[in-house]
N, C-alpha and C. Protein backbone atom coordinates (compact mmCIF):
# COMPACT_ATOMS: atom_id res chain seq x y z
N MET A 1 -11.81 -61.82 -10.26
CA MET A 1 -12.95 -62.68 -10.07
C MET A 1 -12.99 -63.71 -11.19
N LYS A 2 -13.31 -64.95 -10.87
CA LYS A 2 -13.42 -66.02 -11.86
C LYS A 2 -14.76 -65.92 -12.57
N HIS A 3 -14.82 -66.48 -13.77
CA HIS A 3 -16.06 -66.47 -14.55
C HIS A 3 -16.55 -67.89 -14.76
N CYS A 4 -17.86 -68.07 -14.68
CA CYS A 4 -18.50 -69.36 -14.91
C CYS A 4 -18.81 -69.49 -16.39
N SER A 5 -18.66 -70.69 -16.96
CA SER A 5 -18.89 -70.85 -18.39
C SER A 5 -19.97 -71.87 -18.73
N ALA A 6 -20.81 -72.25 -17.77
CA ALA A 6 -21.91 -73.17 -18.07
C ALA A 6 -22.90 -72.51 -19.01
N ILE A 7 -23.44 -73.28 -19.95
CA ILE A 7 -24.38 -72.73 -20.92
C ILE A 7 -25.72 -73.42 -20.77
N LEU A 8 -26.79 -72.64 -20.84
CA LEU A 8 -28.15 -73.13 -20.71
C LEU A 8 -29.00 -72.45 -21.76
N ALA A 9 -29.76 -73.20 -22.52
CA ALA A 9 -30.67 -72.61 -23.50
C ALA A 9 -32.09 -72.99 -23.13
N ILE A 10 -32.93 -72.00 -22.96
CA ILE A 10 -34.31 -72.22 -22.54
C ILE A 10 -35.23 -71.42 -23.44
N ALA A 11 -36.31 -72.05 -23.86
CA ALA A 11 -37.31 -71.33 -24.64
C ALA A 11 -38.56 -71.16 -23.78
N THR A 12 -39.11 -69.96 -23.79
CA THR A 12 -40.37 -69.73 -23.11
C THR A 12 -41.42 -69.41 -24.15
N GLY A 13 -42.65 -69.71 -23.86
CA GLY A 13 -43.69 -69.40 -24.83
C GLY A 13 -45.06 -69.33 -24.20
N LEU A 14 -45.98 -68.72 -24.90
CA LEU A 14 -47.36 -68.60 -24.44
C LEU A 14 -48.27 -69.40 -25.35
N ALA A 15 -49.23 -70.06 -24.75
CA ALA A 15 -50.23 -70.78 -25.53
C ALA A 15 -51.16 -69.79 -26.22
N ALA A 16 -51.48 -68.70 -25.55
CA ALA A 16 -52.32 -67.64 -26.12
C ALA A 16 -51.95 -66.34 -25.41
N ALA A 17 -52.27 -65.23 -26.00
CA ALA A 17 -51.93 -63.95 -25.40
C ALA A 17 -52.51 -63.86 -24.00
N GLY A 18 -51.66 -63.50 -23.05
CA GLY A 18 -52.10 -63.35 -21.67
C GLY A 18 -52.11 -64.65 -20.89
N ALA A 19 -51.90 -65.78 -21.52
CA ALA A 19 -51.90 -67.07 -20.82
C ALA A 19 -50.47 -67.44 -20.47
N VAL A 20 -50.32 -68.21 -19.42
CA VAL A 20 -49.00 -68.65 -19.00
C VAL A 20 -48.67 -69.95 -19.72
N GLY A 21 -47.51 -69.98 -20.41
CA GLY A 21 -47.08 -71.17 -21.13
C GLY A 21 -46.07 -71.95 -20.31
N ALA A 22 -45.60 -73.05 -20.83
CA ALA A 22 -44.63 -73.89 -20.14
C ALA A 22 -43.23 -73.59 -20.65
N ALA A 23 -42.28 -73.67 -19.75
CA ALA A 23 -40.88 -73.50 -20.15
C ALA A 23 -40.38 -74.82 -20.69
N GLN A 24 -39.60 -74.77 -21.74
CA GLN A 24 -39.01 -75.96 -22.33
C GLN A 24 -37.51 -75.82 -22.25
N THR A 25 -36.86 -76.74 -21.57
CA THR A 25 -35.42 -76.68 -21.40
C THR A 25 -34.74 -77.49 -22.48
N ALA A 26 -33.87 -76.85 -23.26
CA ALA A 26 -33.16 -77.53 -24.33
C ALA A 26 -31.96 -78.28 -23.77
N LEU A 27 -31.39 -77.81 -22.68
CA LEU A 27 -30.24 -78.44 -22.04
C LEU A 27 -30.44 -78.33 -20.55
N THR A 28 -30.40 -79.44 -19.85
CA THR A 28 -30.60 -79.42 -18.41
C THR A 28 -29.25 -79.28 -17.72
N VAL A 29 -29.13 -78.27 -16.88
CA VAL A 29 -27.93 -78.06 -16.09
C VAL A 29 -28.31 -78.32 -14.63
N PRO A 30 -27.62 -79.27 -13.97
CA PRO A 30 -27.97 -79.61 -12.58
C PRO A 30 -28.01 -78.38 -11.69
N GLY A 31 -29.08 -78.26 -10.91
CA GLY A 31 -29.22 -77.18 -9.96
C GLY A 31 -29.94 -75.95 -10.49
N ILE A 32 -29.97 -75.75 -11.80
CA ILE A 32 -30.67 -74.59 -12.36
C ILE A 32 -32.13 -74.94 -12.53
N THR A 33 -33.01 -74.11 -12.00
CA THR A 33 -34.44 -74.34 -12.13
C THR A 33 -35.08 -73.18 -12.87
N THR A 34 -36.16 -73.48 -13.56
CA THR A 34 -36.88 -72.48 -14.32
C THR A 34 -38.38 -72.65 -14.12
N ARG A 35 -39.10 -71.55 -14.28
CA ARG A 35 -40.56 -71.64 -14.30
C ARG A 35 -41.13 -70.39 -14.94
N VAL A 36 -42.32 -70.54 -15.47
CA VAL A 36 -43.04 -69.43 -16.09
C VAL A 36 -44.22 -69.09 -15.20
N THR A 37 -44.38 -67.81 -14.93
CA THR A 37 -45.51 -67.34 -14.13
C THR A 37 -46.26 -66.29 -14.93
N ALA A 38 -47.32 -65.78 -14.36
CA ALA A 38 -48.10 -64.72 -15.02
C ALA A 38 -47.28 -63.44 -15.17
N THR A 39 -46.24 -63.27 -14.36
CA THR A 39 -45.44 -62.04 -14.41
C THR A 39 -44.15 -62.18 -15.20
N GLY A 40 -43.81 -63.40 -15.64
CA GLY A 40 -42.59 -63.56 -16.43
C GLY A 40 -41.93 -64.91 -16.25
N PHE A 41 -40.67 -64.97 -16.67
CA PHE A 41 -39.88 -66.18 -16.62
C PHE A 41 -38.91 -66.08 -15.45
N ILE A 42 -38.87 -67.11 -14.61
CA ILE A 42 -38.02 -67.11 -13.42
C ILE A 42 -36.91 -68.14 -13.60
N LEU A 43 -35.69 -67.70 -13.40
CA LEU A 43 -34.51 -68.54 -13.52
C LEU A 43 -33.76 -68.50 -12.19
N SER A 44 -33.54 -69.68 -11.60
CA SER A 44 -32.79 -69.77 -10.34
C SER A 44 -31.49 -70.52 -10.60
N VAL A 45 -30.38 -69.90 -10.20
CA VAL A 45 -29.05 -70.44 -10.47
C VAL A 45 -28.28 -70.57 -9.16
N PRO A 46 -27.82 -71.79 -8.84
CA PRO A 46 -26.96 -71.92 -7.66
C PRO A 46 -25.59 -71.30 -7.98
N THR A 47 -25.05 -70.54 -7.04
CA THR A 47 -23.79 -69.85 -7.29
C THR A 47 -22.69 -70.39 -6.37
N THR A 48 -21.48 -70.14 -6.79
CA THR A 48 -20.29 -70.47 -6.01
C THR A 48 -19.64 -69.15 -5.63
N ALA A 49 -19.27 -69.02 -4.36
CA ALA A 49 -18.62 -67.79 -3.90
C ALA A 49 -17.39 -67.50 -4.74
N GLY A 50 -17.26 -66.26 -5.17
CA GLY A 50 -16.11 -65.83 -5.95
C GLY A 50 -16.27 -65.99 -7.46
N MET A 51 -17.37 -66.62 -7.90
CA MET A 51 -17.62 -66.78 -9.34
C MET A 51 -18.53 -65.66 -9.82
N ASN A 52 -18.37 -65.28 -11.08
CA ASN A 52 -19.19 -64.24 -11.69
C ASN A 52 -20.06 -64.90 -12.75
N TYR A 53 -21.38 -64.69 -12.72
CA TYR A 53 -22.32 -65.33 -13.63
C TYR A 53 -22.96 -64.26 -14.51
N LEU A 54 -22.89 -64.48 -15.82
CA LEU A 54 -23.50 -63.56 -16.78
C LEU A 54 -24.70 -64.27 -17.39
N ILE A 55 -25.89 -63.70 -17.23
CA ILE A 55 -27.11 -64.25 -17.80
C ILE A 55 -27.44 -63.42 -19.03
N GLU A 56 -27.54 -64.09 -20.17
CA GLU A 56 -27.82 -63.43 -21.43
C GLU A 56 -29.05 -64.04 -22.07
N PHE A 57 -29.65 -63.31 -23.02
CA PHE A 57 -30.82 -63.82 -23.73
C PHE A 57 -30.75 -63.43 -25.20
N THR A 58 -31.52 -64.15 -25.99
CA THR A 58 -31.76 -63.79 -27.38
C THR A 58 -33.20 -64.19 -27.70
N ASN A 59 -33.83 -63.47 -28.58
CA ASN A 59 -35.20 -63.81 -28.97
C ASN A 59 -35.24 -64.80 -30.12
N SER A 60 -34.07 -65.07 -30.71
CA SER A 60 -33.97 -66.01 -31.83
C SER A 60 -32.60 -66.66 -31.82
N LEU A 61 -32.55 -67.97 -32.00
CA LEU A 61 -31.27 -68.66 -32.03
C LEU A 61 -30.49 -68.37 -33.31
N THR A 62 -31.13 -67.74 -34.27
CA THR A 62 -30.43 -67.35 -35.50
C THR A 62 -29.91 -65.91 -35.44
N ALA A 63 -30.18 -65.22 -34.33
CA ALA A 63 -29.70 -63.84 -34.16
C ALA A 63 -28.18 -63.83 -34.07
N ALA A 64 -27.60 -62.69 -34.43
CA ALA A 64 -26.14 -62.56 -34.46
C ALA A 64 -25.50 -62.58 -33.07
N GLY A 65 -26.21 -62.14 -32.05
CA GLY A 65 -25.60 -62.06 -30.73
C GLY A 65 -26.59 -62.24 -29.60
N TRP A 66 -26.07 -62.18 -28.39
CA TRP A 66 -26.86 -62.32 -27.17
C TRP A 66 -26.84 -60.98 -26.44
N THR A 67 -27.90 -60.71 -25.65
CA THR A 67 -28.01 -59.48 -24.89
C THR A 67 -27.89 -59.78 -23.40
N LYS A 68 -27.14 -58.96 -22.69
CA LYS A 68 -26.97 -59.14 -21.25
C LYS A 68 -28.28 -58.85 -20.53
N LEU A 69 -28.72 -59.80 -19.71
CA LEU A 69 -29.90 -59.61 -18.87
C LEU A 69 -29.48 -59.20 -17.46
N ALA A 70 -28.48 -59.89 -16.92
CA ALA A 70 -28.01 -59.61 -15.56
C ALA A 70 -26.63 -60.20 -15.36
N GLU A 71 -25.92 -59.64 -14.40
CA GLU A 71 -24.65 -60.20 -13.97
C GLU A 71 -24.76 -60.42 -12.47
N VAL A 72 -24.42 -61.63 -12.04
CA VAL A 72 -24.58 -62.01 -10.64
C VAL A 72 -23.23 -62.39 -10.07
N ASN A 73 -22.89 -61.82 -8.92
CA ASN A 73 -21.68 -62.21 -8.21
C ASN A 73 -22.03 -63.38 -7.30
N GLY A 74 -21.37 -64.50 -7.50
CA GLY A 74 -21.66 -65.68 -6.71
C GLY A 74 -21.30 -65.49 -5.25
N ASP A 75 -22.21 -65.97 -4.39
CA ASP A 75 -21.98 -65.87 -2.95
C ASP A 75 -22.28 -67.20 -2.24
N GLY A 76 -22.46 -68.27 -3.02
CA GLY A 76 -22.74 -69.58 -2.42
C GLY A 76 -24.21 -69.87 -2.23
N THR A 77 -25.08 -68.94 -2.63
CA THR A 77 -26.53 -69.15 -2.49
C THR A 77 -27.16 -69.31 -3.87
N VAL A 78 -28.44 -69.64 -3.89
CA VAL A 78 -29.20 -69.69 -5.14
C VAL A 78 -29.70 -68.28 -5.44
N GLN A 79 -29.34 -67.76 -6.61
CA GLN A 79 -29.78 -66.43 -7.04
C GLN A 79 -30.95 -66.60 -8.00
N THR A 80 -32.02 -65.83 -7.80
CA THR A 80 -33.22 -65.93 -8.62
C THR A 80 -33.43 -64.64 -9.39
N LEU A 81 -33.69 -64.78 -10.70
CA LEU A 81 -33.92 -63.64 -11.56
C LEU A 81 -35.27 -63.76 -12.23
N LEU A 82 -35.94 -62.63 -12.42
CA LEU A 82 -37.22 -62.58 -13.11
C LEU A 82 -37.05 -61.77 -14.39
N ASP A 83 -37.45 -62.35 -15.51
CA ASP A 83 -37.48 -61.63 -16.79
C ASP A 83 -38.93 -61.44 -17.16
N SER A 84 -39.44 -60.22 -16.95
CA SER A 84 -40.86 -59.96 -17.21
C SER A 84 -41.14 -59.72 -18.69
N ALA A 85 -40.09 -59.66 -19.52
CA ALA A 85 -40.26 -59.42 -20.95
C ALA A 85 -39.98 -60.69 -21.76
N ALA A 86 -40.14 -61.86 -21.16
CA ALA A 86 -39.73 -63.12 -21.79
C ALA A 86 -40.70 -63.64 -22.84
N PHE A 87 -41.85 -63.05 -23.00
CA PHE A 87 -42.86 -63.61 -23.89
C PHE A 87 -42.88 -62.88 -25.23
N PRO A 88 -43.18 -63.50 -26.33
CA PRO A 88 -43.67 -64.88 -26.44
C PRO A 88 -42.57 -65.94 -26.44
N ALA A 89 -41.33 -65.59 -26.77
CA ALA A 89 -40.26 -66.58 -26.74
C ALA A 89 -38.92 -65.91 -26.49
N ARG A 90 -38.08 -66.59 -25.73
CA ARG A 90 -36.76 -66.05 -25.45
C ARG A 90 -35.86 -67.23 -25.06
N PHE A 91 -34.60 -67.15 -25.41
CA PHE A 91 -33.62 -68.17 -25.08
C PHE A 91 -32.57 -67.57 -24.15
N TYR A 92 -32.08 -68.37 -23.19
CA TYR A 92 -31.15 -67.87 -22.17
C TYR A 92 -29.89 -68.70 -22.12
N ARG A 93 -28.82 -68.06 -21.68
CA ARG A 93 -27.61 -68.81 -21.34
C ARG A 93 -26.98 -68.17 -20.10
N VAL A 94 -26.34 -69.02 -19.31
CA VAL A 94 -25.70 -68.58 -18.07
C VAL A 94 -24.22 -68.83 -18.20
């Protein structure tokens, strides 16, 4: 299986505890959409059949490494992931 190497960094945050904040995209990748809801951070990624997508996160850009959130096998559709633990801040890469 082939691997995708596109990188996306996104910060999520809350204005106040329990309130929904706005997502701020540090790098815009065509086709990838993001949004913050009351239940978490939603990331939608268009996939290509036969490609493997690894979604990782870190709570700090100065951290030593990234943590695997999900691995998605591309099938040609848009795959949507919910991270309910994204607050108060988290950065992602695909």
